[in-house]
């Protein structure tokens, strides 16, 4: 049995969309660049880790710091910068200043303390 998650065509049909819709789909950035599935997954992992960190999950802070370092090496600069700007806005509202400073330093907003 094929699940809706594994078949874009079935998911489209279940949603009442025309036949063939979803056979091929693309996610496009605000600037019109197609986002590769692996890149999109990496950005989603970053989002999940950051929002868990903002909610107080200490393990998520470490996960975000690690993922951010990896993403800097293999994520298109425009996408990384868009995410960084959103993250900085969220982190600036964080009440836990120690965590906020660690995250902001990783995002290039503060110089890292030795």
N, C-alpha and C. Protein backbone atom coordinates (compact mmCIF):
# COMPACT_ATOMS: atom_id res chain seq x y z
N UNK A 1 0.84 -1.19 0.00
CA UNK A 1 0.00 0.00 0.00
C UNK A 1 0.88 1.25 0.00
N UNK A 2 0.55 2.19 -0.82
CA UNK A 2 1.31 3.44 -0.91
C UNK A 2 0.68 4.48 -0.01
N UNK A 3 1.50 5.13 0.80
CA UNK A 3 0.97 6.17 1.67
C UNK A 3 0.90 7.49 0.91
N UNK A 4 0.07 8.39 1.42
CA UNK A 4 -0.02 9.71 0.79
C UNK A 4 1.30 10.44 0.86
N UNK A 5 2.04 10.23 1.95
CA UNK A 5 3.32 10.92 2.11
C UNK A 5 4.33 10.48 1.07
N UNK A 6 4.24 9.22 0.62
CA UNK A 6 5.23 8.74 -0.34
C UNK A 6 4.81 8.94 -1.78
N UNK A 7 3.59 9.40 -2.00
CA UNK A 7 3.11 9.60 -3.36
C UNK A 7 2.48 10.98 -3.52
N UNK A 8 3.23 11.90 -4.11
CA UNK A 8 2.68 13.24 -4.32
C UNK A 8 1.40 13.21 -5.15
N UNK A 9 1.30 12.29 -6.12
CA UNK A 9 0.11 12.22 -6.96
C UNK A 9 -1.11 11.79 -6.15
N UNK A 10 -0.94 10.80 -5.25
CA UNK A 10 -2.06 10.39 -4.39
C UNK A 10 -2.45 11.50 -3.43
N UNK A 11 -1.47 12.17 -2.87
CA UNK A 11 -1.76 13.28 -1.95
C UNK A 11 -2.54 14.37 -2.68
N UNK A 12 -2.13 14.68 -3.92
CA UNK A 12 -2.82 15.70 -4.70
C UNK A 12 -4.25 15.28 -4.98
N UNK A 13 -4.45 14.00 -5.36
CA UNK A 13 -5.78 13.49 -5.64
C UNK A 13 -6.66 13.56 -4.40
N UNK A 14 -6.11 13.17 -3.25
CA UNK A 14 -6.87 13.20 -2.00
C UNK A 14 -7.26 14.63 -1.63
N UNK A 15 -6.45 15.58 -2.04
CA UNK A 15 -6.74 16.98 -1.74
C UNK A 15 -7.66 17.62 -2.77
N UNK A 16 -8.09 16.82 -3.78
CA UNK A 16 -9.00 17.34 -4.79
C UNK A 16 -8.32 18.14 -5.88
N UNK A 17 -7.02 17.96 -6.05
CA UNK A 17 -6.28 18.69 -7.08
C UNK A 17 -6.32 17.92 -8.38
N UNK A 18 -6.05 18.57 -9.50
CA UNK A 18 -6.13 17.92 -10.80
C UNK A 18 -5.15 16.75 -10.94
N UNK A 19 -5.51 15.79 -11.80
CA UNK A 19 -4.63 14.65 -12.08
C UNK A 19 -3.29 15.16 -12.58
N UNK A 20 -2.24 14.53 -12.12
CA UNK A 20 -0.90 14.92 -12.53
C UNK A 20 -0.27 15.96 -11.63
N UNK A 21 -1.10 16.65 -10.84
CA UNK A 21 -0.55 17.66 -9.94
C UNK A 21 0.27 16.96 -8.88
N UNK A 22 1.48 17.39 -8.68
CA UNK A 22 2.32 16.81 -7.65
C UNK A 22 3.27 15.75 -8.17
N UNK A 23 3.10 15.34 -9.45
CA UNK A 23 4.04 14.37 -9.99
C UNK A 23 5.45 14.93 -9.95
N UNK A 24 5.55 16.18 -10.24
CA UNK A 24 6.82 16.90 -10.13
C UNK A 24 6.53 18.21 -9.45
N UNK A 25 7.24 18.49 -8.40
CA UNK A 25 7.05 19.75 -7.73
C UNK A 25 8.41 20.30 -7.31
N UNK A 26 8.43 21.60 -7.11
CA UNK A 26 9.66 22.27 -6.73
C UNK A 26 9.34 23.25 -5.62
N UNK A 27 10.31 23.45 -4.77
CA UNK A 27 10.22 24.50 -3.77
C UNK A 27 11.18 25.58 -4.25
N UNK A 28 10.68 26.80 -4.30
CA UNK A 28 11.45 27.91 -4.86
C UNK A 28 11.66 28.96 -3.77
N UNK A 29 12.87 29.50 -3.73
CA UNK A 29 13.19 30.54 -2.75
C UNK A 29 12.51 31.85 -3.15
N UNK A 30 12.57 32.81 -2.25
CA UNK A 30 11.99 34.13 -2.54
C UNK A 30 12.64 34.77 -3.76
N UNK A 31 13.87 34.40 -4.04
CA UNK A 31 14.58 34.98 -5.18
C UNK A 31 14.43 34.15 -6.45
N UNK A 32 13.61 33.09 -6.39
CA UNK A 32 13.33 32.30 -7.57
C UNK A 32 14.22 31.10 -7.79
N UNK A 33 15.14 30.82 -6.88
CA UNK A 33 16.02 29.66 -7.02
C UNK A 33 15.30 28.41 -6.53
N UNK A 34 15.46 27.32 -7.27
CA UNK A 34 14.89 26.04 -6.85
C UNK A 34 15.72 25.52 -5.68
N UNK A 35 15.03 25.10 -4.62
CA UNK A 35 15.71 24.58 -3.43
C UNK A 35 15.74 23.06 -3.53
N UNK A 36 16.93 22.49 -3.52
CA UNK A 36 17.09 21.04 -3.60
C UNK A 36 16.47 20.39 -2.37
N UNK A 37 15.90 19.19 -2.52
CA UNK A 37 15.28 18.51 -1.38
C UNK A 37 16.22 18.35 -0.18
N UNK A 38 17.49 18.02 -0.42
CA UNK A 38 18.43 17.86 0.69
C UNK A 38 18.66 19.18 1.42
N UNK A 39 18.69 20.27 0.68
CA UNK A 39 18.86 21.60 1.29
C UNK A 39 17.63 21.97 2.09
N UNK A 40 16.46 21.69 1.55
CA UNK A 40 15.22 21.97 2.25
C UNK A 40 15.15 21.18 3.56
N UNK A 41 15.55 19.93 3.51
CA UNK A 41 15.56 19.11 4.72
C UNK A 41 16.53 19.68 5.76
N UNK A 42 17.69 20.11 5.30
CA UNK A 42 18.69 20.70 6.21
C UNK A 42 18.13 21.97 6.87
N UNK A 43 17.45 22.80 6.10
CA UNK A 43 16.86 24.02 6.66
C UNK A 43 15.75 23.69 7.66
N UNK A 44 14.99 22.65 7.38
CA UNK A 44 13.94 22.23 8.31
C UNK A 44 14.55 21.72 9.62
N UNK A 45 15.65 20.98 9.53
CA UNK A 45 16.33 20.52 10.74
C UNK A 45 16.84 21.70 11.57
N UNK A 46 17.38 22.70 10.87
CA UNK A 46 17.83 23.91 11.57
C UNK A 46 16.66 24.59 12.27
N UNK A 47 15.55 24.73 11.57
CA UNK A 47 14.36 25.35 12.18
C UNK A 47 13.93 24.58 13.43
N UNK A 48 13.84 23.26 13.29
CA UNK A 48 13.40 22.43 14.42
C UNK A 48 14.33 22.61 15.61
N UNK A 49 15.63 22.56 15.36
CA UNK A 49 16.61 22.68 16.45
C UNK A 49 16.53 24.07 17.09
N UNK A 50 16.43 25.11 16.27
CA UNK A 50 16.39 26.46 16.84
C UNK A 50 15.14 26.65 17.69
N UNK A 51 13.99 26.26 17.19
CA UNK A 51 12.76 26.49 17.94
C UNK A 51 12.72 25.64 19.21
N UNK A 52 13.30 24.44 19.18
CA UNK A 52 13.40 23.64 20.40
C UNK A 52 14.35 24.33 21.39
N UNK A 53 15.44 24.89 20.89
CA UNK A 53 16.39 25.61 21.75
C UNK A 53 15.71 26.82 22.38
N UNK A 54 14.94 27.54 21.60
CA UNK A 54 14.23 28.70 22.12
C UNK A 54 13.20 28.31 23.18
N UNK A 55 12.71 27.08 23.09
CA UNK A 55 11.73 26.58 24.06
C UNK A 55 12.41 26.04 25.32
N UNK A 56 13.76 26.07 25.35
CA UNK A 56 14.46 25.67 26.56
C UNK A 56 15.14 24.32 26.53
N UNK A 57 15.15 23.66 25.39
CA UNK A 57 15.80 22.36 25.28
C UNK A 57 17.31 22.55 25.10
N UNK A 58 18.06 22.24 26.15
CA UNK A 58 19.52 22.42 26.12
C UNK A 58 20.21 21.57 25.07
N UNK A 59 19.70 20.37 24.82
CA UNK A 59 20.29 19.51 23.79
C UNK A 59 20.08 20.12 22.40
N UNK A 60 18.96 20.78 22.23
CA UNK A 60 18.67 21.41 20.95
C UNK A 60 19.62 22.57 20.67
N UNK A 61 20.07 23.25 21.74
CA UNK A 61 21.05 24.33 21.55
C UNK A 61 22.31 23.75 20.92
N UNK A 62 22.79 22.65 21.50
CA UNK A 62 24.00 22.00 20.96
C UNK A 62 23.76 21.49 19.54
N UNK A 63 22.59 20.91 19.31
CA UNK A 63 22.27 20.41 17.97
C UNK A 63 22.25 21.55 16.95
N UNK A 64 21.64 22.68 17.34
CA UNK A 64 21.59 23.82 16.43
C UNK A 64 22.99 24.32 16.11
N UNK A 65 23.83 24.46 17.14
CA UNK A 65 25.19 24.95 16.91
C UNK A 65 25.94 24.05 15.94
N UNK A 66 25.78 22.74 16.09
CA UNK A 66 26.44 21.79 15.19
C UNK A 66 25.85 21.88 13.78
N UNK A 67 24.53 21.87 13.68
CA UNK A 67 23.87 21.95 12.37
C UNK A 67 24.20 23.24 11.65
N UNK A 68 24.26 24.34 12.39
CA UNK A 68 24.57 25.63 11.77
C UNK A 68 25.97 25.60 11.15
N UNK A 69 26.92 25.03 11.87
CA UNK A 69 28.27 24.91 11.34
C UNK A 69 28.32 24.08 10.07
N UNK A 70 27.57 22.99 10.04
CA UNK A 70 27.52 22.14 8.86
C UNK A 70 26.82 22.85 7.70
N UNK A 71 25.74 23.54 8.01
CA UNK A 71 24.96 24.22 6.97
C UNK A 71 25.78 25.30 6.29
N UNK A 72 26.66 25.95 7.04
CA UNK A 72 27.48 27.01 6.47
C UNK A 72 28.36 26.49 5.34
N UNK A 73 28.69 25.21 5.40
CA UNK A 73 29.56 24.61 4.38
C UNK A 73 28.83 24.18 3.12
N UNK A 74 27.53 23.83 3.25
CA UNK A 74 26.87 23.23 2.09
C UNK A 74 25.44 23.71 1.83
N UNK A 75 25.14 24.91 2.26
CA UNK A 75 23.82 25.49 1.98
C UNK A 75 24.04 26.77 1.18
N UNK A 76 23.26 26.97 0.13
CA UNK A 76 23.42 28.20 -0.65
C UNK A 76 23.35 29.44 0.25
N UNK A 77 24.25 30.37 0.00
CA UNK A 77 24.41 31.55 0.85
C UNK A 77 23.11 32.34 0.99
N UNK A 78 22.35 32.51 -0.09
CA UNK A 78 21.11 33.30 0.00
C UNK A 78 20.11 32.67 0.96
N UNK A 79 20.02 31.34 0.94
CA UNK A 79 19.08 30.66 1.83
C UNK A 79 19.55 30.72 3.28
N UNK A 80 20.85 30.53 3.45
CA UNK A 80 21.40 30.58 4.80
C UNK A 80 21.23 31.98 5.40
N UNK A 81 21.45 32.99 4.60
CA UNK A 81 21.30 34.36 5.10
C UNK A 81 19.84 34.68 5.43
N UNK A 82 18.91 34.22 4.62
CA UNK A 82 17.50 34.43 4.92
C UNK A 82 17.14 33.77 6.25
N UNK A 83 17.58 32.54 6.44
CA UNK A 83 17.32 31.85 7.70
C UNK A 83 17.99 32.56 8.86
N UNK A 84 19.22 32.97 8.67
CA UNK A 84 19.98 33.64 9.74
C UNK A 84 19.23 34.89 10.22
N UNK A 85 18.72 35.68 9.29
CA UNK A 85 18.00 36.89 9.67
C UNK A 85 16.76 36.57 10.51
N UNK A 86 16.02 35.54 10.11
CA UNK A 86 14.84 35.12 10.87
C UNK A 86 15.24 34.62 12.26
N UNK A 87 16.30 33.83 12.30
CA UNK A 87 16.76 33.28 13.58
C UNK A 87 17.20 34.39 14.53
N UNK A 88 17.94 35.36 14.03
CA UNK A 88 18.43 36.45 14.87
C UNK A 88 17.25 37.19 15.50
N UNK A 89 16.22 37.46 14.71
CA UNK A 89 15.04 38.15 15.26
C UNK A 89 14.42 37.36 16.40
N UNK A 90 14.30 36.04 16.23
CA UNK A 90 13.71 35.19 17.27
C UNK A 90 14.60 35.12 18.50
N UNK A 91 15.89 34.95 18.29
CA UNK A 91 16.82 34.80 19.41
C UNK A 91 16.89 36.08 20.23
N UNK A 92 16.82 37.23 19.60
CA UNK A 92 16.87 38.50 20.34
C UNK A 92 15.73 38.64 21.35
N UNK A 93 14.63 37.93 21.12
CA UNK A 93 13.49 37.97 22.05
C UNK A 93 13.61 36.95 23.19
N UNK A 94 14.64 36.13 23.15
CA UNK A 94 14.81 35.09 24.16
C UNK A 94 15.19 35.69 25.50
N UNK A 95 14.55 35.24 26.56
CA UNK A 95 14.82 35.78 27.90
C UNK A 95 16.06 35.17 28.54
N UNK A 96 16.43 33.96 28.13
CA UNK A 96 17.63 33.31 28.67
C UNK A 96 18.84 33.91 27.95
N UNK A 97 19.46 34.90 28.55
CA UNK A 97 20.54 35.66 27.90
C UNK A 97 21.75 34.79 27.58
N UNK A 98 22.05 33.81 28.44
CA UNK A 98 23.22 32.95 28.18
C UNK A 98 23.02 32.16 26.88
N UNK A 99 21.85 31.55 26.74
CA UNK A 99 21.55 30.79 25.52
C UNK A 99 21.49 31.75 24.33
N UNK A 100 20.85 32.89 24.51
CA UNK A 100 20.74 33.87 23.42
C UNK A 100 22.12 34.29 22.93
N UNK A 101 23.02 34.55 23.84
CA UNK A 101 24.37 34.98 23.44
C UNK A 101 25.10 33.88 22.68
N UNK A 102 24.94 32.62 23.10
CA UNK A 102 25.58 31.51 22.37
C UNK A 102 25.03 31.40 20.95
N UNK A 103 23.72 31.50 20.83
CA UNK A 103 23.10 31.39 19.51
C UNK A 103 23.46 32.58 18.64
N UNK A 104 23.43 33.77 19.20
CA UNK A 104 23.78 34.96 18.41
C UNK A 104 25.24 34.93 17.97
N UNK A 105 26.12 34.42 18.82
CA UNK A 105 27.52 34.30 18.43
C UNK A 105 27.66 33.34 17.25
N UNK A 106 26.94 32.22 17.29
CA UNK A 106 26.99 31.25 16.19
C UNK A 106 26.45 31.86 14.91
N UNK A 107 25.48 32.75 15.03
CA UNK A 107 24.86 33.39 13.87
C UNK A 107 25.62 34.61 13.39
N UNK A 108 26.77 34.88 14.03
CA UNK A 108 27.62 35.98 13.59
C UNK A 108 27.18 37.34 14.09
N UNK A 109 26.35 37.37 15.10
CA UNK A 109 25.86 38.64 15.64
C UNK A 109 26.68 39.14 16.82
N UNK A 110 27.47 38.28 17.42
CA UNK A 110 28.33 38.65 18.54
C UNK A 110 29.69 38.04 18.30
N UNK A 111 30.72 38.65 18.82
CA UNK A 111 32.02 37.99 18.74
C UNK A 111 32.03 36.91 19.80
N UNK A 112 32.57 35.75 19.46
CA UNK A 112 32.58 34.60 20.38
C UNK A 112 33.51 34.89 21.54
N UNK A 113 33.05 34.53 22.73
CA UNK A 113 33.89 34.64 23.92
C UNK A 113 34.83 33.46 23.96
N UNK A 114 36.04 33.68 24.38
CA UNK A 114 37.03 32.61 24.41
C UNK A 114 36.80 31.70 25.58
